[in-house]
């Protein structure tokens, strides 16, 4: 059984979005439903075996080192407070910027549950025992997200090997799935295709296409879902350069990747454009803001039980 990392263990990274998530998760875990800047500072200083770069200052006094650490903590709170302006009514937290305190809102609605479920899904290191359910459900949410960005007549289907079974691609063998996909796209299999040299889902979690007429379908969209923080390396998992050895495309499919993490800076733009390759990225903000209302009800059925259970554990501690 996978063992989750204790939430008391601080992130060993300089990634500000990871730290922002961590601050939100701590706020959720605390019985009083809030987190102060001082409390985060104390947590970091109490973690004696931390390998975070907060402890790497050398050649300075202890007082100077403490001041530098406090400034880093303040910067992290400032970063996470910017989410209030980007996520708007999806954001389940409130900020007291004068005191650097984050609060969980007293009343949570569907949009808040949606945000929290994506927050949990993007931090599997703390929720490994729920990894299977979180990743499978995120694949379904990603399918809804792609549907929300495309015309209603578009065919959008799950293709991956998760617990979310597709009605169209429900074959047990990957080779049979690929044959069915080539049939649906009205394209021939590649002469290089060999069922002995493929496994899993071959990197493809979601597939979508337009049916224009009796000719080949198009445009085609291939999608990969990635809950882990190694998502950058997965941008080529469902890429044309890989799949052209399976299917003879007339035009390369549009590559998309779906990540529950936020990949934004304080202005709401991409944190690092250099890490986005020839792929359309659907991160937390894009998934939330462009979700059709008709899918929010289905997503709420997924998110509410899990979030309520996590929040109930916090209330149990408080009692």
C-alpha atoms as a PDB file:
ATOM      1  CA  UNK A   1       0.000   0.000   0.000  1.00  0.00           C
ATOM      2  CA  UNK A   2       1.306   3.470  -0.853  1.00  0.00           C
ATOM      3  CA  UNK A   3       2.104   5.605   2.170  1.00  0.00           C
ATOM      4  CA  UNK A   4       1.217   9.281   2.072  1.00  0.00           C
ATOM      5  CA  UNK A   5       3.672  11.933   3.146  1.00  0.00           C
ATOM      6  CA  UNK A   6       2.691  13.591   6.417  1.00  0.00           C
ATOM      7  CA  UNK A   7       1.227  17.053   5.848  1.00  0.00           C
ATOM      8  CA  UNK A   8       3.615  18.290   8.530  1.00  0.00           C
ATOM      9  CA  UNK A   9       6.469  17.686   6.066  1.00  0.00           C
ATOM     10  CA  UNK A  10       7.111  20.891   4.175  1.00  0.00           C
ATOM     11  CA  UNK A  11       7.736  20.834   0.396  1.00  0.00           C
ATOM     12  CA  UNK A  12      11.343  20.333  -0.631  1.00  0.00           C
ATOM     13  CA  UNK A  13      11.093  22.673  -3.596  1.00  0.00           C
ATOM     14  CA  UNK A  14      11.206  26.341  -4.544  1.00  0.00           C
ATOM     15  CA  UNK A  15       8.064  25.916  -6.709  1.00  0.00           C
ATOM     16  CA  UNK A  16       5.771  28.698  -5.498  1.00  0.00           C
ATOM     17  CA  UNK A  17       2.621  26.943  -6.712  1.00  0.00           C
ATOM     18  CA  UNK A  18       3.546  23.861  -4.686  1.00  0.00           C
ATOM     19  CA  UNK A  19       4.038  26.078  -1.640  1.00  0.00           C
ATOM     20  CA  UNK A  20       0.726  27.824  -2.329  1.00  0.00           C
ATOM     21  CA  UNK A  21      -1.002  24.425  -2.429  1.00  0.00           C
ATOM     22  CA  UNK A  22       0.750  23.442   0.776  1.00  0.00           C
ATOM     23  CA  UNK A  23      -0.474  26.592   2.528  1.00  0.00           C
ATOM     24  CA  UNK A  24      -4.039  25.840   1.416  1.00  0.00           C
ATOM     25  CA  UNK A  25      -3.782  22.201   2.529  1.00  0.00           C
ATOM     26  CA  UNK A  26      -2.479  23.252   5.950  1.00  0.00           C
ATOM     27  CA  UNK A  27      -5.368  25.674   6.264  1.00  0.00           C
ATOM     28  CA  UNK A  28      -7.762  22.803   5.499  1.00  0.00           C
ATOM     29  CA  UNK A  29      -6.081  20.525   8.028  1.00  0.00           C
ATOM     30  CA  UNK A  30      -5.971  23.002  10.880  1.00  0.00           C
ATOM     31  CA  UNK A  31      -8.955  22.572  13.243  1.00  0.00           C
ATOM     32  CA  UNK A  32      -9.644  26.322  13.276  1.00  0.00           C
ATOM     33  CA  UNK A  33      -9.652  26.498   9.464  1.00  0.00           C
ATOM     34  CA  UNK A  34      -6.951  29.136   9.149  1.00  0.00           C
ATOM     35  CA  UNK A  35      -3.202  29.510   8.787  1.00  0.00           C
ATOM     36  CA  UNK A  36      -1.004  32.436   9.735  1.00  0.00           C
ATOM     37  CA  UNK A  37       2.312  33.489   8.293  1.00  0.00           C
ATOM     38  CA  UNK A  38       3.922  32.985  11.711  1.00  0.00           C
ATOM     39  CA  UNK A  39       2.534  29.433  11.954  1.00  0.00           C
ATOM     40  CA  UNK A  40       4.118  28.486   8.623  1.00  0.00           C
ATOM     41  CA  UNK A  41       7.406  30.056   9.716  1.00  0.00           C
ATOM     42  CA  UNK A  42       7.351  28.027  12.937  1.00  0.00           C
ATOM     43  CA  UNK A  43       6.588  24.824  11.028  1.00  0.00           C
ATOM     44  CA  UNK A  44       9.584  25.314   8.734  1.00  0.00           C
ATOM     45  CA  UNK A  45      11.984  26.150  11.564  1.00  0.00           C
ATOM     46  CA  UNK A  46      10.750  23.184  13.612  1.00  0.00           C
ATOM     47  CA  UNK A  47      11.510  20.756  10.794  1.00  0.00           C
ATOM     48  CA  UNK A  48      15.130  20.182  11.717  1.00  0.00           C
ATOM     49  CA  UNK A  49      15.885  17.643   8.975  1.00  0.00           C
ATOM     50  CA  UNK A  50      14.462  19.817   6.193  1.00  0.00           C
ATOM     51  CA  UNK A  51      16.472  19.893   2.971  1.00  0.00           C
ATOM     52  CA  UNK A  52      14.573  22.923   1.666  1.00  0.00           C
ATOM     53  CA  UNK A  53      16.732  25.766   0.414  1.00  0.00           C
ATOM     54  CA  UNK A  54      15.480  27.841   3.356  1.00  0.00           C
ATOM     55  CA  UNK A  55      18.289  26.252   5.366  1.00  0.00           C
ATOM     56  CA  UNK A  56      21.103  26.838   2.913  1.00  0.00           C
ATOM     57  CA  UNK A  57      22.161  30.344   3.998  1.00  0.00           C
ATOM     58  CA  UNK A  58      25.784  30.319   5.162  1.00  0.00           C
ATOM     59  CA  UNK A  59      28.123  33.003   6.388  1.00  0.00           C
ATOM     60  CA  UNK A  60      25.359  35.102   7.984  1.00  0.00           C
ATOM     61  CA  UNK A  61      24.129  35.551  11.518  1.00  0.00           C
ATOM     62  CA  UNK A  62      21.220  33.588  12.925  1.00  0.00           C
ATOM     63  CA  UNK A  63      19.163  36.772  13.062  1.00  0.00           C
ATOM     64  CA  UNK A  64      19.821  37.505   9.385  1.00  0.00           C
ATOM     65  CA  UNK A  65      18.966  33.922   8.476  1.00  0.00           C
ATOM     66  CA  UNK A  66      15.668  34.150  10.364  1.00  0.00           C
ATOM     67  CA  UNK A  67      14.829  37.434   8.636  1.00  0.00           C
ATOM     68  CA  UNK A  68      15.495  35.890   5.225  1.00  0.00           C
ATOM     69  CA  UNK A  69      13.315  32.910   6.048  1.00  0.00           C
ATOM     70  CA  UNK A  70      10.455  35.130   7.228  1.00  0.00           C
ATOM     71  CA  UNK A  71      10.672  37.118   3.987  1.00  0.00           C
ATOM     72  CA  UNK A  72      10.403  33.890   1.996  1.00  0.00           C
ATOM     73  CA  UNK A  73       7.345  32.903   4.010  1.00  0.00           C
ATOM     74  CA  UNK A  74       5.752  36.320   3.410  1.00  0.00           C
ATOM     75  CA  UNK A  75       6.494  35.996  -0.316  1.00  0.00           C
ATOM     76  CA  UNK A  76       4.744  32.612  -0.358  1.00  0.00           C
ATOM     77  CA  UNK A  77       1.680  34.065   1.338  1.00  0.00           C
ATOM     78  CA  UNK A  78       1.682  36.953  -1.128  1.00  0.00           C
ATOM     79  CA  UNK A  79       1.838  34.469  -3.994  1.00  0.00           C
ATOM     80  CA  UNK A  80      -1.067  32.368  -2.759  1.00  0.00           C
ATOM     81  CA  UNK A  81      -3.154  35.503  -2.057  1.00  0.00           C
ATOM     82  CA  UNK A  82      -3.018  36.331  -5.784  1.00  0.00           C
ATOM     83  CA  UNK A  83      -5.231  33.304  -6.418  1.00  0.00           C
ATOM     84  CA  UNK A  84      -8.161  35.214  -4.919  1.00  0.00           C
ATOM     85  CA  UNK A  85      -8.133  37.497  -7.969  1.00  0.00           C
ATOM     86  CA  UNK A  86      -7.692  34.742 -10.563  1.00  0.00           C
ATOM     87  CA  UNK A  87     -10.032  32.024  -9.313  1.00  0.00           C
ATOM     88  CA  UNK A  88     -12.745  34.434  -8.157  1.00  0.00           C
ATOM     89  CA  UNK A  89     -15.909  32.591  -7.069  1.00  0.00           C
ATOM     90  CA  UNK A  90     -14.190  29.197  -7.420  1.00  0.00           C
ATOM     91  CA  UNK A  91     -11.733  30.085  -4.675  1.00  0.00           C
ATOM     92  CA  UNK A  92     -12.749  28.572  -1.297  1.00  0.00           C
ATOM     93  CA  UNK A  93     -10.391  30.686   0.822  1.00  0.00           C
ATOM     94  CA  UNK A  94     -10.312  34.271   2.078  1.00  0.00           C
ATOM     95  CA  UNK A  95      -7.275  36.404   2.925  1.00  0.00           C
ATOM     96  CA  UNK A  96      -6.485  38.967   5.537  1.00  0.00           C
ATOM     97  CA  UNK A  97      -3.601  40.588   3.669  1.00  0.00           C
ATOM     98  CA  UNK A  98      -2.777  43.001   6.498  1.00  0.00           C
ATOM     99  CA  UNK A  99      -2.149  40.115   8.911  1.00  0.00           C
ATOM    100  CA  UNK A 100      -1.125  37.466   6.337  1.00  0.00           C
ATOM    101  CA  UNK A 101      -3.824  34.993   7.355  1.00  0.00           C
ATOM    102  CA  UNK A 102      -5.667  32.575   5.066  1.00  0.00           C
ATOM    103  CA  UNK A 103      -9.155  31.326   6.050  1.00  0.00           C
ATOM    104  CA  UNK A 104     -11.400  28.605   4.682  1.00  0.00           C
ATOM    105  CA  UNK A 105     -14.770  30.134   3.782  1.00  0.00           C
ATOM    106  CA  UNK A 106     -17.531  29.223   6.213  1.00  0.00           C
ATOM    107  CA  UNK A 107     -19.961  28.229   3.465  1.00  0.00           C
ATOM    108  CA  UNK A 108     -18.809  26.065   0.558  1.00  0.00           C
ATOM    109  CA  UNK A 109     -20.615  25.784  -2.787  1.00  0.00           C
ATOM    110  CA  UNK A 110     -20.180  23.520  -5.812  1.00  0.00           C
ATOM    111  CA  UNK A 111     -17.447  25.646  -7.348  1.00  0.00           C
ATOM    112  CA  UNK A 112     -15.486  25.570  -4.096  1.00  0.00           C
ATOM    113  CA  UNK A 113     -15.709  21.772  -3.896  1.00  0.00           C
ATOM    114  CA  UNK A 114     -14.477  21.602  -7.475  1.00  0.00           C
ATOM    115  CA  UNK A 115     -11.419  23.707  -6.635  1.00  0.00           C
ATOM    116  CA  UNK A 116     -10.651  21.674  -3.514  1.00  0.00           C
ATOM    117  CA  UNK A 117     -10.899  18.391  -5.377  1.00  0.00           C
ATOM    118  CA  UNK A 118      -8.349  19.620  -7.921  1.00  0.00           C
ATOM    119  CA  UNK A 119      -6.155  20.805  -5.052  1.00  0.00           C
ATOM    120  CA  UNK A 120      -6.154  17.326  -3.504  1.00  0.00           C
ATOM    121  CA  UNK A 121      -5.608  15.709  -6.927  1.00  0.00           C
ATOM    122  CA  UNK A 122      -2.500  17.771  -7.586  1.00  0.00           C
ATOM    123  CA  UNK A 123      -0.875  16.802  -4.280  1.00  0.00           C
ATOM    124  CA  UNK A 124      -0.814  13.022  -4.440  1.00  0.00           C
ATOM    125  CA  UNK A 125       2.329  12.898  -2.318  1.00  0.00           C
ATOM    126  CA  UNK A 126       0.071  13.743   0.628  1.00  0.00           C
ATOM    127  CA  UNK A 127      -2.848  11.561  -0.532  1.00  0.00           C
ATOM    128  CA  UNK A 128      -1.255   8.452  -2.015  1.00  0.00           C
ATOM    129  CA  UNK A 129      -3.801   6.106  -0.451  1.00  0.00           C
ATOM    130  CA  UNK A 130      -6.441   7.844  -2.583  1.00  0.00           C
ATOM    131  CA  UNK A 131      -4.306   7.998  -5.727  1.00  0.00           C
ATOM    132  CA  UNK A 132      -6.350   5.539  -7.778  1.00  0.00           C
ATOM    133  CA  UNK A 133      -9.668   7.312  -7.204  1.00  0.00           C
ATOM    134  CA  UNK A 134      -8.245  10.811  -7.553  1.00  0.00           C
ATOM    135  CA  UNK A 135      -6.458  10.087 -10.829  1.00  0.00           C
ATOM    136  CA  UNK A 136      -9.383   8.161 -12.345  1.00  0.00           C
ATOM    137  CA  UNK A 137     -11.853  10.873 -11.449  1.00  0.00           C
ATOM    138  CA  UNK A 138      -9.504  13.541 -12.737  1.00  0.00           C
ATOM    139  CA  UNK A 139      -9.504  11.760 -16.094  1.00  0.00           C
ATOM    140  CA  UNK A 140     -13.288  12.070 -16.157  1.00  0.00           C
ATOM    141  CA  UNK A 141     -13.072  15.753 -15.168  1.00  0.00           C
ATOM    142  CA  UNK A 142     -10.540  16.288 -17.963  1.00  0.00           C
ATOM    143  CA  UNK A 143     -12.958  14.719 -20.443  1.00  0.00           C
ATOM    144  CA  UNK A 144     -15.621  17.190 -19.296  1.00  0.00           C
ATOM    145  CA  UNK A 145     -13.079  19.999 -19.661  1.00  0.00           C
ATOM    146  CA  UNK A 146     -12.275  19.145 -23.269  1.00  0.00           C
ATOM    147  CA  UNK A 147     -15.994  18.849 -24.049  1.00  0.00           C
ATOM    148  CA  UNK A 148     -16.467  22.337 -22.596  1.00  0.00           C
ATOM    149  CA  UNK A 149     -13.887  23.785 -25.002  1.00  0.00           C
ATOM    150  CA  UNK A 150     -15.191  22.135 -28.176  1.00  0.00           C
ATOM    151  CA  UNK A 151     -18.477  22.319 -30.126  1.00  0.00           C
ATOM    152  CA  UNK A 152     -21.224  20.076 -28.787  1.00  0.00           C
ATOM    153  CA  UNK A 153     -21.193  17.824 -31.844  1.00  0.00           C
ATOM    154  CA  UNK A 154     -17.575  16.802 -31.118  1.00  0.00           C
ATOM    155  CA  UNK A 155     -16.934  13.178 -30.220  1.00  0.00           C
ATOM    156  CA  UNK A 156     -15.009  13.099 -26.901  1.00  0.00           C
ATOM    157  CA  UNK A 157     -14.081   9.796 -25.256  1.00  0.00           C
ATOM    158  CA  UNK A 158     -11.916   8.350 -22.528  1.00  0.00           C
ATOM    159  CA  UNK A 159      -9.224   6.069 -23.949  1.00  0.00           C
ATOM    160  CA  UNK A 160      -7.002   5.419 -20.942  1.00  0.00           C
ATOM    161  CA  UNK A 161      -6.721   2.400 -18.686  1.00  0.00           C
ATOM    162  CA  UNK A 162      -8.293   4.063 -15.639  1.00  0.00           C
ATOM    163  CA  UNK A 163     -11.397   2.845 -13.834  1.00  0.00           C
ATOM    164  CA  UNK A 164     -13.484   5.237 -15.959  1.00  0.00           C
ATOM    165  CA  UNK A 165     -14.634   2.917 -18.731  1.00  0.00           C
ATOM    166  CA  UNK A 166     -15.422   4.242 -22.177  1.00  0.00           C
ATOM    167  CA  UNK A 167     -18.499   2.932 -23.975  1.00  0.00           C
ATOM    168  CA  UNK A 168     -16.695   3.156 -27.297  1.00  0.00           C
ATOM    169  CA  UNK A 169     -13.174   2.088 -26.337  1.00  0.00           C
ATOM    170  CA  UNK A 170     -13.925  -0.678 -23.857  1.00  0.00           C
ATOM    171  CA  UNK A 171     -11.773  -3.386 -25.428  1.00  0.00           C
ATOM    172  CA  UNK A 172      -9.397  -5.217 -23.104  1.00  0.00           C
ATOM    173  CA  UNK A 173      -6.412  -5.233 -25.459  1.00  0.00           C
ATOM    174  CA  UNK A 174      -4.736  -1.980 -26.409  1.00  0.00           C
ATOM    175  CA  UNK A 175      -4.247  -3.194 -29.983  1.00  0.00           C
ATOM    176  CA  UNK A 176      -8.025  -3.668 -30.331  1.00  0.00           C
ATOM    177  CA  UNK A 177      -8.588  -0.175 -28.959  1.00  0.00           C
ATOM    178  CA  UNK A 178      -6.206   1.265 -31.537  1.00  0.00           C
ATOM    179  CA  UNK A 179      -7.935  -0.617 -34.337  1.00  0.00           C
ATOM    180  CA  UNK A 180     -11.283   0.736 -33.166  1.00  0.00           C
ATOM    181  CA  UNK A 181      -9.836   4.244 -32.977  1.00  0.00           C
ATOM    182  CA  UNK A 182      -8.464   4.077 -36.528  1.00  0.00           C
ATOM    183  CA  UNK A 183     -11.884   2.864 -37.664  1.00  0.00           C
ATOM    184  CA  UNK A 184     -13.667   5.754 -35.929  1.00  0.00           C
ATOM    185  CA  UNK A 185     -11.215   8.253 -37.400  1.00  0.00           C
ATOM    186  CA  UNK A 186     -11.571   6.603 -40.834  1.00  0.00           C
ATOM    187  CA  UNK A 187      -7.814   6.253 -41.085  1.00  0.00           C
ATOM    188  CA  UNK A 188      -5.566   3.308 -41.863  1.00  0.00           C
ATOM    189  CA  UNK A 189      -3.245   1.666 -39.379  1.00  0.00           C
ATOM    190  CA  UNK A 190       0.391   2.587 -39.820  1.00  0.00           C
ATOM    191  CA  UNK A 191       2.539  -0.002 -41.622  1.00  0.00           C
ATOM    192  CA  UNK A 192       4.818   0.188 -38.559  1.00  0.00           C
ATOM    193  CA  UNK A 193       2.044  -0.787 -36.147  1.00  0.00           C
ATOM    194  CA  UNK A 194       2.873  -3.874 -34.079  1.00  0.00           C
ATOM    195  CA  UNK A 195       0.637  -4.986 -31.229  1.00  0.00           C
ATOM    196  CA  UNK A 196       3.563  -6.797 -29.619  1.00  0.00           C
ATOM    197  CA  UNK A 197       5.408  -3.523 -28.994  1.00  0.00           C
ATOM    198  CA  UNK A 198       2.710  -1.489 -27.248  1.00  0.00           C
ATOM    199  CA  UNK A 199       1.326  -1.625 -23.720  1.00  0.00           C
ATOM    200  CA  UNK A 200      -0.840   0.211 -21.230  1.00  0.00           C
ATOM    201  CA  UNK A 201      -2.744   3.005 -22.949  1.00  0.00           C
ATOM    202  CA  UNK A 202       0.280   4.159 -24.973  1.00  0.00           C
ATOM    203  CA  UNK A 203       0.057   7.562 -23.306  1.00  0.00           C
ATOM    204  CA  UNK A 204      -3.410   8.378 -24.603  1.00  0.00           C
ATOM    205  CA  UNK A 205      -6.083   9.158 -21.984  1.00  0.00           C
ATOM    206  CA  UNK A 206      -8.601  11.226 -23.968  1.00  0.00           C
ATOM    207  CA  UNK A 207      -9.412  11.395 -27.673  1.00  0.00           C
ATOM    208  CA  UNK A 208     -11.745  13.751 -29.531  1.00  0.00           C
ATOM    209  CA  UNK A 209     -12.642  14.437 -33.152  1.00  0.00           C
ATOM    210  CA  UNK A 210     -15.141  16.068 -35.480  1.00  0.00           C
ATOM    211  CA  UNK A 211     -17.190  13.965 -37.878  1.00  0.00           C
ATOM    212  CA  UNK A 212     -17.553  16.131 -40.975  1.00  0.00           C
ATOM    213  CA  UNK A 213     -18.772  13.693 -43.614  1.00  0.00           C
ATOM    214  CA  UNK A 214     -17.766  10.284 -44.954  1.00  0.00           C
ATOM    215  CA  UNK A 215     -14.116  11.282 -45.236  1.00  0.00           C
ATOM    216  CA  UNK A 216     -11.601  11.044 -42.411  1.00  0.00           C
ATOM    217  CA  UNK A 217     -12.472  12.748 -39.130  1.00  0.00           C
ATOM    218  CA  UNK A 218     -10.786  15.940 -38.079  1.00  0.00           C
ATOM    219  CA  UNK A 219      -9.484  17.914 -36.387  1.00  0.00           C
ATOM    220  CA  UNK A 220      -8.363  15.289 -33.883  1.00  0.00           C
ATOM    221  CA  UNK A 221      -7.394  15.947 -30.265  1.00  0.00           C
ATOM    222  CA  UNK A 222      -5.215  13.641 -28.180  1.00  0.00           C
ATOM    223  CA  UNK A 223      -5.008  14.198 -24.435  1.00  0.00           C
ATOM    224  CA  UNK A 224      -2.850  13.052 -21.528  1.00  0.00           C
ATOM    225  CA  UNK A 225      -3.863  13.511 -17.866  1.00  0.00           C
ATOM    226  CA  UNK A 226      -1.086  14.110 -15.338  1.00  0.00           C
ATOM    227  CA  UNK A 227      -1.698  14.610 -11.623  1.00  0.00           C
ATOM    228  CA  UNK A 228       1.962  14.403 -10.638  1.00  0.00           C
ATOM    229  CA  UNK A 229       4.492  17.231 -10.637  1.00  0.00           C
ATOM    230  CA  UNK A 230       6.358  15.489 -13.478  1.00  0.00           C
ATOM    231  CA  UNK A 231       3.696  16.612 -15.967  1.00  0.00           C
ATOM    232  CA  UNK A 232       6.193  18.537 -18.112  1.00  0.00           C
ATOM    233  CA  UNK A 233       7.832  15.283 -19.251  1.00  0.00           C
ATOM    234  CA  UNK A 234       4.430  13.808 -20.126  1.00  0.00           C
ATOM    235  CA  UNK A 235       3.589  16.394 -22.766  1.00  0.00           C
ATOM    236  CA  UNK A 236       4.816  14.013 -25.464  1.00  0.00           C
ATOM    237  CA  UNK A 237       3.043  10.897 -24.173  1.00  0.00           C
ATOM    238  CA  UNK A 238       0.081  11.374 -26.522  1.00  0.00           C
ATOM    239  CA  UNK A 239       2.010  13.200 -29.225  1.00  0.00           C
ATOM    240  CA  UNK A 240       1.811  12.744 -32.993  1.00  0.00           C
ATOM    241  CA  UNK A 241       5.470  11.709 -33.214  1.00  0.00           C
ATOM    242  CA  UNK A 242       4.634   8.699 -31.072  1.00  0.00           C
ATOM    243  CA  UNK A 243       1.224   7.817 -32.459  1.00  0.00           C
ATOM    244  CA  UNK A 244       2.122   8.108 -36.151  1.00  0.00           C
ATOM    245  CA  UNK A 245       3.641   4.643 -35.755  1.00  0.00           C
ATOM    246  CA  UNK A 246       0.161   3.339 -34.911  1.00  0.00           C
ATOM    247  CA  UNK A 247      -2.137   5.302 -37.226  1.00  0.00           C
ATOM    248  CA  UNK A 248      -1.480   6.945 -40.594  1.00  0.00           C
ATOM    249  CA  UNK A 249      -2.722  10.490 -39.976  1.00  0.00           C
ATOM    250  CA  UNK A 250      -3.347  12.995 -42.743  1.00  0.00           C
ATOM    251  CA  UNK A 251      -2.877  15.791 -40.216  1.00  0.00           C
ATOM    252  CA  UNK A 252      -1.199  15.614 -36.783  1.00  0.00           C
ATOM    253  CA  UNK A 253      -3.617  15.455 -33.845  1.00  0.00           C
ATOM    254  CA  UNK A 254      -3.681  18.464 -31.516  1.00  0.00           C
ATOM    255  CA  UNK A 255      -1.812  17.497 -28.337  1.00  0.00           C
ATOM    256  CA  UNK A 256      -3.395  18.476 -25.023  1.00  0.00           C
ATOM    257  CA  UNK A 257      -2.427  17.832 -21.416  1.00  0.00           C
ATOM    258  CA  UNK A 258      -4.591  18.175 -18.313  1.00  0.00           C
ATOM    259  CA  UNK A 259      -3.083  18.978 -14.923  1.00  0.00           C
ATOM    260  CA  UNK A 260      -4.944  19.684 -11.664  1.00  0.00           C
ATOM    261  CA  UNK A 261      -2.109  21.904 -10.432  1.00  0.00           C
ATOM    262  CA  UNK A 262      -2.058  25.653 -10.931  1.00  0.00           C
ATOM    263  CA  UNK A 263       0.674  26.737 -13.330  1.00  0.00           C
ATOM    264  CA  UNK A 264       0.207  30.488 -13.002  1.00  0.00           C
ATOM    265  CA  UNK A 265       2.228  33.418 -11.717  1.00  0.00           C
ATOM    266  CA  UNK A 266       0.814  36.265  -9.617  1.00  0.00           C
ATOM    267  CA  UNK A 267      -0.555  37.982 -12.746  1.00  0.00           C
ATOM    268  CA  UNK A 268      -2.487  34.886 -13.818  1.00  0.00           C
ATOM    269  CA  UNK A 269      -0.218  34.175 -16.797  1.00  0.00           C
ATOM    270  CA  UNK A 270       1.812  31.005 -17.305  1.00  0.00           C
ATOM    271  CA  UNK A 271       4.488  30.645 -14.644  1.00  0.00           C
ATOM    272  CA  UNK A 272       7.096  29.558 -17.193  1.00  0.00           C
ATOM    273  CA  UNK A 273       6.361  29.560 -20.942  1.00  0.00           C
ATOM    274  CA  UNK A 274       9.609  27.681 -21.574  1.00  0.00           C
ATOM    275  CA  UNK A 275       8.123  24.579 -19.939  1.00  0.00           C
ATOM    276  CA  UNK A 276       5.175  24.409 -22.342  1.00  0.00           C
ATOM    277  CA  UNK A 277       6.016  22.647 -25.592  1.00  0.00           C
ATOM    278  CA  UNK A 278       3.817  21.934 -28.632  1.00  0.00           C
ATOM    279  CA  UNK A 279       0.894  21.136 -26.340  1.00  0.00           C
ATOM    280  CA  UNK A 280      -2.258  22.917 -25.180  1.00  0.00           C
ATOM    281  CA  UNK A 281      -2.136  22.939 -21.384  1.00  0.00           C
ATOM    282  CA  UNK A 282      -5.308  22.733 -19.305  1.00  0.00           C
ATOM    283  CA  UNK A 283      -4.264  23.606 -15.768  1.00  0.00           C
ATOM    284  CA  UNK A 284      -6.440  24.194 -12.691  1.00  0.00           C
ATOM    285  CA  UNK A 285      -7.467  27.700 -13.727  1.00  0.00           C
ATOM    286  CA  UNK A 286      -8.352  26.807 -17.318  1.00  0.00           C
ATOM    287  CA  UNK A 287     -10.256  23.679 -16.267  1.00  0.00           C
ATOM    288  CA  UNK A 288     -12.330  25.567 -13.704  1.00  0.00           C
ATOM    289  CA  UNK A 289     -13.108  28.699 -15.694  1.00  0.00           C
ATOM    290  CA  UNK A 290     -14.236  27.015 -18.904  1.00  0.00           C
ATOM    291  CA  UNK A 291     -16.310  24.169 -17.489  1.00  0.00           C
ATOM    292  CA  UNK A 292     -19.863  23.981 -18.825  1.00  0.00           C
ATOM    293  CA  UNK A 293     -22.440  24.372 -16.069  1.00  0.00           C
ATOM    294  CA  UNK A 294     -24.111  21.118 -17.034  1.00  0.00           C
ATOM    295  CA  UNK A 295     -20.992  19.196 -15.973  1.00  0.00           C
ATOM    296  CA  UNK A 296     -20.645  20.895 -12.583  1.00  0.00           C
ATOM    297  CA  UNK A 297     -23.429  18.746 -11.157  1.00  0.00           C
ATOM    298  CA  UNK A 298     -21.637  15.544 -12.206  1.00  0.00           C
ATOM    299  CA  UNK A 299     -18.335  16.813 -10.866  1.00  0.00           C
ATOM    300  CA  UNK A 300     -19.995  17.717  -7.555  1.00  0.00           C
ATOM    301  CA  UNK A 301     -21.080  14.095  -7.150  1.00  0.00           C
ATOM    302  CA  UNK A 302     -17.404  13.152  -7.396  1.00  0.00           C
ATOM    303  CA  UNK A 303     -15.850  15.942  -5.356  1.00  0.00           C
ATOM    304  CA  UNK A 304     -18.237  16.459  -2.449  1.00  0.00           C
ATOM    305  CA  UNK A 305     -17.919  13.030  -0.729  1.00  0.00           C
ATOM    306  CA  UNK A 306     -14.120  13.158  -0.773  1.00  0.00           C
ATOM    307  CA  UNK A 307     -13.833  16.785   0.335  1.00  0.00           C
ATOM    308  CA  UNK A 308     -16.450  16.356   3.047  1.00  0.00           C
ATOM    309  CA  UNK A 309     -14.583  13.354   4.402  1.00  0.00           C
ATOM    310  CA  UNK A 310     -11.317  15.298   4.573  1.00  0.00           C
ATOM    311  CA  UNK A 311     -12.979  18.270   6.247  1.00  0.00           C
ATOM    312  CA  UNK A 312     -14.840  16.018   8.667  1.00  0.00           C
ATOM    313  CA  UNK A 313     -11.531  14.561   9.835  1.00  0.00           C
ATOM    314  CA  UNK A 314     -10.417  18.103  10.638  1.00  0.00           C
ATOM    315  CA  UNK A 315     -13.607  18.751  12.613  1.00  0.00           C
ATOM    316  CA  UNK A 316     -13.100  15.499  14.528  1.00  0.00           C
ATOM    317  CA  UNK A 317      -9.675  16.736  15.625  1.00  0.00           C
ATOM    318  CA  UNK A 318     -11.199  20.035  16.728  1.00  0.00           C
ATOM    319  CA  UNK A 319     -13.751  18.260  18.890  1.00  0.00           C
END
